[in-house]
Structure formats: structure tokens, C-alpha cells
């Protein structure tokens, strides 16, 4: 089993920044990629960003491209999501995900964190 623990969520004003962290533990040798999804109230869970653990190949949703940056620290088994120029529509619960393949869709995500709330005020 793999455990994912998120941190860094909170309340910010539009135009502000947050950095989310996700630390992986347990059988981390079984995962090759990690990423982030988000789910707003009444909406489906949607892809945000993903990164390959060894090659650093990344993928981003069009809605966050140019504003969000995903990165990883292999020594710490930790992935980060730097979120800049935040908008009210970014408000959602953000979930860390991991799996053998780039988790660009929910079905590829084998492990999930508990979620962390990000709220962007007008």
C-alpha cells in the first residue's frame, strides 16, 4: 500500500499563490508517477497536473497551464504544486494521486490522498 499525505491548502485572495505538498510513504517502489486532481462542489473530479517520477515528464490541464507548476523531490518522495495567479474558479478540494502511469485521468490513479481545501476569494 502507498500512503499520500497532502499539506499547504488554505484561503488566499485572487491573484495570490499557494504551494501544495504531497509526501508518499509505504511501498513507494510501486509507483512511477504522481499528480494532482481537484473537485469543486457539485462537480466531477478533474485533472490538474502530473509528473513522471524518473523522467520529470509533465502534463497540465489547459485551465492551469502557465499558472501552475508541478515538481518533485525524489529524495523526499514528495511532489509539489506551485499555484500562482489564483482565480476564484480554482477553488476546490485538491487531491494528490499516484500510480504506475501518468495520472492524467481518474482511472489511472491507483492511490489517493485525503484532499486539501483551496479557497480563492474575489
C-alpha atoms as a PDB file:
ATOM      1  CA  UNK A   1       0.000   0.000   0.000  1.00  0.00           C
ATOM      2  CA  UNK A   2       1.036   3.608  -0.644  1.00  0.00           C
ATOM      3  CA  UNK A   3       0.031   6.471   1.616  1.00  0.00           C
ATOM      4  CA  UNK A   4      -0.192  10.045   0.328  1.00  0.00           C
ATOM      5  CA  UNK A   5      -0.368  12.994   2.721  1.00  0.00           C
ATOM      6  CA  UNK A   6      -1.122  16.490   1.417  1.00  0.00           C
ATOM      7  CA  UNK A   7      -0.430  19.849   3.015  1.00  0.00           C
ATOM      8  CA  UNK A   8      -0.407  23.522   2.068  1.00  0.00           C
ATOM      9  CA  UNK A   9      -4.051  24.267   1.334  1.00  0.00           C
ATOM     10  CA  UNK A  10      -5.742  27.378   2.650  1.00  0.00           C
ATOM     11  CA  UNK A  11      -7.524  30.633   1.896  1.00  0.00           C
ATOM     12  CA  UNK A  12      -5.986  33.199  -0.469  1.00  0.00           C
ATOM     13  CA  UNK A  13      -7.149  36.227  -2.413  1.00  0.00           C
ATOM     14  CA  UNK A  14      -7.442  36.216  -6.192  1.00  0.00           C
ATOM     15  CA  UNK A  15      -4.018  36.734  -7.745  1.00  0.00           C
ATOM     16  CA  UNK A  16      -2.237  35.131  -4.815  1.00  0.00           C
ATOM     17  CA  UNK A  17      -0.154  31.971  -4.597  1.00  0.00           C
ATOM     18  CA  UNK A  18      -0.077  28.683  -2.715  1.00  0.00           C
ATOM     19  CA  UNK A  19       2.242  25.691  -2.769  1.00  0.00           C
ATOM     20  CA  UNK A  20       0.794  22.264  -2.108  1.00  0.00           C
ATOM     21  CA  UNK A  21       2.936  19.336  -0.988  1.00  0.00           C
ATOM     22  CA  UNK A  22       2.271  15.602  -1.130  1.00  0.00           C
ATOM     23  CA  UNK A  23       4.533  13.144   0.676  1.00  0.00           C
ATOM     24  CA  UNK A  24       4.414   9.477  -0.320  1.00  0.00           C
ATOM     25  CA  UNK A  25       5.232   6.621   2.039  1.00  0.00           C
ATOM     26  CA  UNK A  26       4.859   2.851   2.209  1.00  0.00           C
ATOM     27  CA  UNK A  27       5.516   0.782  -0.922  1.00  0.00           C
ATOM     28  CA  UNK A  28       6.668   3.755  -2.993  1.00  0.00           C
ATOM     29  CA  UNK A  29       8.633   1.498  -5.354  1.00  0.00           C
ATOM     30  CA  UNK A  30       5.298   0.512  -6.884  1.00  0.00           C
ATOM     31  CA  UNK A  31       4.563   3.986  -8.286  1.00  0.00           C
ATOM     32  CA  UNK A  32       6.121   5.690 -11.310  1.00  0.00           C
ATOM     33  CA  UNK A  33       4.194   8.954 -11.420  1.00  0.00           C
ATOM     34  CA  UNK A  34       2.267  11.363  -9.238  1.00  0.00           C
ATOM     35  CA  UNK A  35      -0.159  14.165  -9.869  1.00  0.00           C
ATOM     36  CA  UNK A  36      -2.961  16.405  -8.703  1.00  0.00           C
ATOM     37  CA  UNK A  37      -6.720  16.461  -9.244  1.00  0.00           C
ATOM     38  CA  UNK A  38      -9.333  18.847  -7.922  1.00  0.00           C
ATOM     39  CA  UNK A  39     -13.039  18.668  -7.222  1.00  0.00           C
ATOM     40  CA  UNK A  40     -15.299  21.670  -6.750  1.00  0.00           C
ATOM     41  CA  UNK A  41     -18.695  21.469  -5.037  1.00  0.00           C
ATOM     42  CA  UNK A  42     -21.184  19.677  -7.252  1.00  0.00           C
ATOM     43  CA  UNK A  43     -18.573  18.917  -9.921  1.00  0.00           C
ATOM     44  CA  UNK A  44     -16.670  15.873 -11.134  1.00  0.00           C
ATOM     45  CA  UNK A  45     -13.076  15.346 -10.102  1.00  0.00           C
ATOM     46  CA  UNK A  46     -10.826  16.851 -12.785  1.00  0.00           C
ATOM     47  CA  UNK A  47      -7.172  16.521 -13.735  1.00  0.00           C
ATOM     48  CA  UNK A  48      -4.788  19.358 -12.841  1.00  0.00           C
ATOM     49  CA  UNK A  49      -1.165  18.248 -13.340  1.00  0.00           C
ATOM     50  CA  UNK A  50       1.053  15.161 -13.308  1.00  0.00           C
ATOM     51  CA  UNK A  51       4.743  14.283 -13.330  1.00  0.00           C
ATOM     52  CA  UNK A  52       6.755  11.156 -14.111  1.00  0.00           C
ATOM     53  CA  UNK A  53       8.947  10.250 -11.153  1.00  0.00           C
ATOM     54  CA  UNK A  54      12.153   9.407 -13.004  1.00  0.00           C
ATOM     55  CA  UNK A  55      11.997  11.445 -16.233  1.00  0.00           C
ATOM     56  CA  UNK A  56      10.164  14.573 -14.957  1.00  0.00           C
ATOM     57  CA  UNK A  57       7.844  14.496 -17.964  1.00  0.00           C
ATOM     58  CA  UNK A  58       4.871  16.684 -17.050  1.00  0.00           C
ATOM     59  CA  UNK A  59       1.302  17.204 -18.158  1.00  0.00           C
ATOM     60  CA  UNK A  60      -1.082  20.063 -17.338  1.00  0.00           C
ATOM     61  CA  UNK A  61      -4.743  20.825 -17.761  1.00  0.00           C
ATOM     62  CA  UNK A  62      -5.348  23.729 -20.146  1.00  0.00           C
ATOM     63  CA  UNK A  63      -7.085  25.680 -17.385  1.00  0.00           C
ATOM     64  CA  UNK A  64      -3.895  25.878 -15.267  1.00  0.00           C
ATOM     65  CA  UNK A  65      -1.169  25.907 -17.924  1.00  0.00           C
ATOM     66  CA  UNK A  66       1.199  28.821 -17.378  1.00  0.00           C
ATOM     67  CA  UNK A  67      -0.016  29.398 -13.815  1.00  0.00           C
ATOM     68  CA  UNK A  68       0.672  26.096 -12.014  1.00  0.00           C
ATOM     69  CA  UNK A  69       3.948  24.171 -11.879  1.00  0.00           C
ATOM     70  CA  UNK A  70       4.374  20.587 -10.711  1.00  0.00           C
ATOM     71  CA  UNK A  71       7.745  19.360  -9.441  1.00  0.00           C
ATOM     72  CA  UNK A  72       9.190  16.522  -7.389  1.00  0.00           C
ATOM     73  CA  UNK A  73      11.926  15.832  -4.849  1.00  0.00           C
ATOM     74  CA  UNK A  74      12.921  12.192  -5.238  1.00  0.00           C
ATOM     75  CA  UNK A  75      14.978  12.090  -2.027  1.00  0.00           C
ATOM     76  CA  UNK A  76      11.919  13.156  -0.016  1.00  0.00           C
ATOM     77  CA  UNK A  77       9.336  11.175  -2.019  1.00  0.00           C
ATOM     78  CA  UNK A  78       7.436  14.431  -2.304  1.00  0.00           C
ATOM     79  CA  UNK A  79       5.622  16.169  -5.144  1.00  0.00           C
ATOM     80  CA  UNK A  80       4.738  19.874  -5.145  1.00  0.00           C
ATOM     81  CA  UNK A  81       2.180  22.015  -6.906  1.00  0.00           C
ATOM     82  CA  UNK A  82       3.111  25.693  -7.102  1.00  0.00           C
ATOM     83  CA  UNK A  83      -0.062  27.662  -7.844  1.00  0.00           C
ATOM     84  CA  UNK A  84       0.304  31.273  -8.982  1.00  0.00           C
ATOM     85  CA  UNK A  85      -2.198  33.861 -10.222  1.00  0.00           C
ATOM     86  CA  UNK A  86      -5.002  32.025  -8.462  1.00  0.00           C
ATOM     87  CA  UNK A  87      -8.587  32.634  -9.564  1.00  0.00           C
ATOM     88  CA  UNK A  88     -11.886  32.062  -7.718  1.00  0.00           C
ATOM     89  CA  UNK A  89     -12.625  29.219 -10.145  1.00  0.00           C
ATOM     90  CA  UNK A  90      -9.566  27.387  -8.762  1.00  0.00           C
ATOM     91  CA  UNK A  91     -11.498  26.888  -5.508  1.00  0.00           C
ATOM     92  CA  UNK A  92     -11.780  23.146  -4.874  1.00  0.00           C
ATOM     93  CA  UNK A  93     -10.556  20.241  -2.803  1.00  0.00           C
ATOM     94  CA  UNK A  94      -7.183  19.247  -4.247  1.00  0.00           C
ATOM     95  CA  UNK A  95      -6.234  15.566  -4.204  1.00  0.00           C
ATOM     96  CA  UNK A  96      -2.792  14.049  -4.610  1.00  0.00           C
ATOM     97  CA  UNK A  97      -2.685  10.937  -6.811  1.00  0.00           C
ATOM     98  CA  UNK A  98      -0.133   8.257  -7.691  1.00  0.00           C
ATOM     99  CA  UNK A  99       0.157   5.247  -9.957  1.00  0.00           C
ATOM    100  CA  UNK A 100       2.225   3.286 -12.442  1.00  0.00           C
ATOM    101  CA  UNK A 101       1.238   5.595 -15.310  1.00  0.00           C
ATOM    102  CA  UNK A 102       0.898   9.370 -15.527  1.00  0.00           C
ATOM    103  CA  UNK A 103      -2.332  10.016 -13.594  1.00  0.00           C
ATOM    104  CA  UNK A 104      -3.990  12.274 -16.169  1.00  0.00           C
ATOM    105  CA  UNK A 105      -7.391  10.613 -15.717  1.00  0.00           C
ATOM    106  CA  UNK A 106      -9.076   9.343 -12.568  1.00  0.00           C
ATOM    107  CA  UNK A 107      -8.995   5.725 -13.778  1.00  0.00           C
ATOM    108  CA  UNK A 108      -5.171   5.710 -13.888  1.00  0.00           C
ATOM    109  CA  UNK A 109      -4.843   6.910 -10.301  1.00  0.00           C
ATOM    110  CA  UNK A 110      -4.273   3.909  -8.050  1.00  0.00           C
ATOM    111  CA  UNK A 111      -3.671   5.823  -4.806  1.00  0.00           C
ATOM    112  CA  UNK A 112      -5.219   8.991  -3.395  1.00  0.00           C
ATOM    113  CA  UNK A 113      -4.510  11.450  -0.639  1.00  0.00           C
ATOM    114  CA  UNK A 114      -7.184  12.714   1.723  1.00  0.00           C
ATOM    115  CA  UNK A 115      -7.559  16.061  -0.049  1.00  0.00           C
ATOM    116  CA  UNK A 116      -6.768  19.610   0.992  1.00  0.00           C
ATOM    117  CA  UNK A 117      -9.097  22.599   0.603  1.00  0.00           C
ATOM    118  CA  UNK A 118      -8.024  25.549  -1.526  1.00  0.00           C
ATOM    119  CA  UNK A 119     -10.294  28.596  -1.398  1.00  0.00           C
ATOM    120  CA  UNK A 120      -9.667  31.668  -3.555  1.00  0.00           C
ATOM    121  CA  UNK A 121     -11.665  34.763  -2.631  1.00  0.00           C
ATOM    122  CA  UNK A 122     -12.678  37.548  -5.028  1.00  0.00           C
END
